[in-house]
C-alpha cells in the first residue's frame, strides 16, 4: 500500500508540465486529487485521461 493512497492532494497548475505529470503519478498511486488550472479545456482532458487509465474508483 502506497503512503499517498487515499490522501487528498491539491495540485495547482495541473493542466500542463510538472503539475500534469504530478497529477498522473499521484493518481496512479491512489491519491485523491483536487486539480486547479487556468486552462479549463486542458484540465478536463487531464481528468478524462486519468479516469480512462482506471486510476479512480
N, C-alpha and C. Protein backbone atom coordinates (compact mmCIF):
# COMPACT_ATOMS: atom_id res chain seq x y z
N UNK A 1 0.84 -1.18 0.00
CA UNK A 1 0.00 0.00 0.00
C UNK A 1 0.88 1.24 0.00
N UNK A 2 0.55 2.16 -0.88
CA UNK A 2 1.30 3.39 -1.02
C UNK A 2 1.01 4.33 0.15
N UNK A 3 2.02 5.09 0.57
CA UNK A 3 1.82 6.06 1.65
C UNK A 3 0.87 7.18 1.24
N UNK A 4 0.74 7.42 -0.04
CA UNK A 4 -0.10 8.50 -0.55
C UNK A 4 -1.53 8.03 -0.83
N UNK A 5 -1.74 6.73 -0.85
CA UNK A 5 -3.06 6.19 -1.18
C UNK A 5 -4.12 6.75 -0.24
N UNK A 6 -5.22 7.21 -0.83
CA UNK A 6 -6.37 7.77 -0.12
C UNK A 6 -6.10 9.10 0.57
N UNK A 7 -4.95 9.71 0.34
CA UNK A 7 -4.68 11.06 0.84
C UNK A 7 -5.21 12.06 -0.17
N UNK A 8 -5.65 13.21 0.29
CA UNK A 8 -6.12 14.26 -0.60
C UNK A 8 -4.96 15.19 -0.93
N UNK A 9 -4.74 15.40 -2.23
CA UNK A 9 -3.64 16.25 -2.70
C UNK A 9 -4.21 17.34 -3.60
N UNK A 10 -3.84 18.59 -3.33
CA UNK A 10 -4.27 19.71 -4.17
C UNK A 10 -3.10 20.08 -5.08
N UNK A 11 -3.37 20.12 -6.38
CA UNK A 11 -2.34 20.47 -7.35
C UNK A 11 -2.80 21.67 -8.15
N UNK A 12 -2.03 22.76 -8.09
CA UNK A 12 -2.32 23.92 -8.92
C UNK A 12 -1.43 23.84 -10.16
N UNK A 13 -1.89 24.42 -11.24
CA UNK A 13 -1.13 24.33 -12.49
C UNK A 13 -1.15 22.93 -13.07
N UNK A 14 -2.27 22.25 -12.88
CA UNK A 14 -2.35 20.83 -13.25
C UNK A 14 -2.58 20.58 -14.74
N UNK A 15 -2.78 21.64 -15.53
CA UNK A 15 -3.13 21.41 -16.93
C UNK A 15 -1.92 21.13 -17.82
N UNK A 16 -0.71 21.32 -17.31
CA UNK A 16 0.48 21.04 -18.14
C UNK A 16 1.72 20.90 -17.28
N UNK A 17 2.77 20.47 -17.91
CA UNK A 17 4.09 20.42 -17.28
C UNK A 17 4.17 19.57 -16.02
N UNK A 18 4.84 20.10 -15.02
CA UNK A 18 5.04 19.36 -13.77
C UNK A 18 3.74 19.06 -13.06
N UNK A 19 2.80 20.01 -13.10
CA UNK A 19 1.51 19.77 -12.45
C UNK A 19 0.77 18.60 -13.07
N UNK A 20 0.77 18.54 -14.39
CA UNK A 20 0.11 17.43 -15.08
C UNK A 20 0.79 16.10 -14.78
N UNK A 21 2.10 16.08 -14.84
CA UNK A 21 2.85 14.85 -14.57
C UNK A 21 2.64 14.39 -13.12
N UNK A 22 2.62 15.34 -12.21
CA UNK A 22 2.41 15.02 -10.80
C UNK A 22 1.02 14.44 -10.59
N UNK A 23 0.02 15.04 -11.22
CA UNK A 23 -1.35 14.55 -11.10
C UNK A 23 -1.46 13.11 -11.58
N UNK A 24 -0.87 12.82 -12.72
CA UNK A 24 -0.92 11.46 -13.27
C UNK A 24 -0.22 10.48 -12.34
N UNK A 25 0.93 10.86 -11.84
CA UNK A 25 1.71 9.97 -10.96
C UNK A 25 0.98 9.70 -9.65
N UNK A 26 0.44 10.76 -9.05
CA UNK A 26 -0.25 10.58 -7.77
C UNK A 26 -1.56 9.82 -7.95
N UNK A 27 -2.26 10.05 -9.04
CA UNK A 27 -3.49 9.29 -9.31
C UNK A 27 -3.17 7.80 -9.43
N UNK A 28 -2.09 7.50 -10.10
CA UNK A 28 -1.68 6.09 -10.25
C UNK A 28 -1.30 5.47 -8.91
N UNK A 29 -0.90 6.30 -7.95
CA UNK A 29 -0.52 5.82 -6.62
C UNK A 29 -1.71 5.76 -5.67
N UNK A 30 -2.88 6.17 -6.15
CA UNK A 30 -4.08 6.06 -5.34
C UNK A 30 -4.48 7.30 -4.56
N UNK A 31 -3.86 8.43 -4.85
CA UNK A 31 -4.22 9.67 -4.16
C UNK A 31 -5.56 10.19 -4.67
N UNK A 32 -6.24 10.92 -3.83
CA UNK A 32 -7.47 11.62 -4.22
C UNK A 32 -7.04 13.04 -4.58
N UNK A 33 -7.37 13.47 -5.79
CA UNK A 33 -6.84 14.73 -6.30
C UNK A 33 -7.87 15.84 -6.35
N UNK A 34 -7.41 17.04 -6.06
CA UNK A 34 -8.14 18.28 -6.29
C UNK A 34 -7.25 19.06 -7.24
N UNK A 35 -7.70 19.25 -8.48
CA UNK A 35 -6.88 19.86 -9.51
C UNK A 35 -7.37 21.27 -9.83
N UNK A 36 -6.42 22.18 -10.06
CA UNK A 36 -6.74 23.55 -10.43
C UNK A 36 -5.81 23.99 -11.56
N UNK A 37 -6.38 24.78 -12.48
CA UNK A 37 -5.58 25.30 -13.59
C UNK A 37 -6.36 26.41 -14.28
N UNK A 38 -5.64 27.26 -15.01
CA UNK A 38 -6.29 28.33 -15.76
C UNK A 38 -6.98 27.82 -17.02
N UNK A 39 -6.41 26.80 -17.64
CA UNK A 39 -6.94 26.29 -18.91
C UNK A 39 -7.92 25.14 -18.64
N UNK A 40 -9.18 25.50 -18.56
CA UNK A 40 -10.21 24.52 -18.21
C UNK A 40 -10.29 23.37 -19.21
N UNK A 41 -10.12 23.66 -20.50
CA UNK A 41 -10.20 22.61 -21.51
C UNK A 41 -9.12 21.55 -21.30
N UNK A 42 -7.90 21.99 -21.01
CA UNK A 42 -6.81 21.02 -20.78
C UNK A 42 -6.99 20.29 -19.47
N UNK A 43 -7.55 20.97 -18.49
CA UNK A 43 -7.81 20.33 -17.21
C UNK A 43 -8.84 19.21 -17.37
N UNK A 44 -9.89 19.48 -18.15
CA UNK A 44 -10.89 18.45 -18.41
C UNK A 44 -10.29 17.27 -19.16
N UNK A 45 -9.38 17.53 -20.09
CA UNK A 45 -8.70 16.44 -20.81
C UNK A 45 -7.87 15.60 -19.85
N UNK A 46 -7.20 16.24 -18.90
CA UNK A 46 -6.39 15.51 -17.93
C UNK A 46 -7.28 14.63 -17.05
N UNK A 47 -8.38 15.18 -16.58
CA UNK A 47 -9.30 14.40 -15.75
C UNK A 47 -9.82 13.19 -16.51
N UNK A 48 -10.16 13.38 -17.78
CA UNK A 48 -10.64 12.28 -18.60
C UNK A 48 -9.55 11.22 -18.80
N UNK A 49 -8.32 11.67 -19.02
CA UNK A 49 -7.20 10.73 -19.22
C UNK A 49 -6.95 9.91 -17.95
N UNK A 50 -7.02 10.56 -16.80
CA UNK A 50 -6.83 9.85 -15.53
C UNK A 50 -7.95 8.83 -15.34
N UNK A 51 -9.19 9.24 -15.63
CA UNK A 51 -10.33 8.32 -15.49
C UNK A 51 -10.20 7.12 -16.44
N UNK A 52 -9.77 7.38 -17.69
CA UNK A 52 -9.60 6.29 -18.66
C UNK A 52 -8.52 5.31 -18.23
N UNK A 53 -7.52 5.79 -17.52
CA UNK A 53 -6.43 4.91 -17.11
C UNK A 53 -6.85 3.97 -15.98
N UNK A 54 -8.03 4.20 -15.43
CA UNK A 54 -8.52 3.32 -14.38
C UNK A 54 -7.97 3.66 -13.01
N UNK A 55 -7.41 4.84 -12.85
CA UNK A 55 -6.80 5.23 -11.58
C UNK A 55 -7.82 5.61 -10.53
N UNK A 56 -9.01 5.97 -10.95
CA UNK A 56 -10.00 6.41 -9.96
C UNK A 56 -11.12 5.40 -9.85
N UNK A 57 -11.60 5.27 -8.65
CA UNK A 57 -12.61 4.26 -8.41
C UNK A 57 -13.93 4.82 -8.35
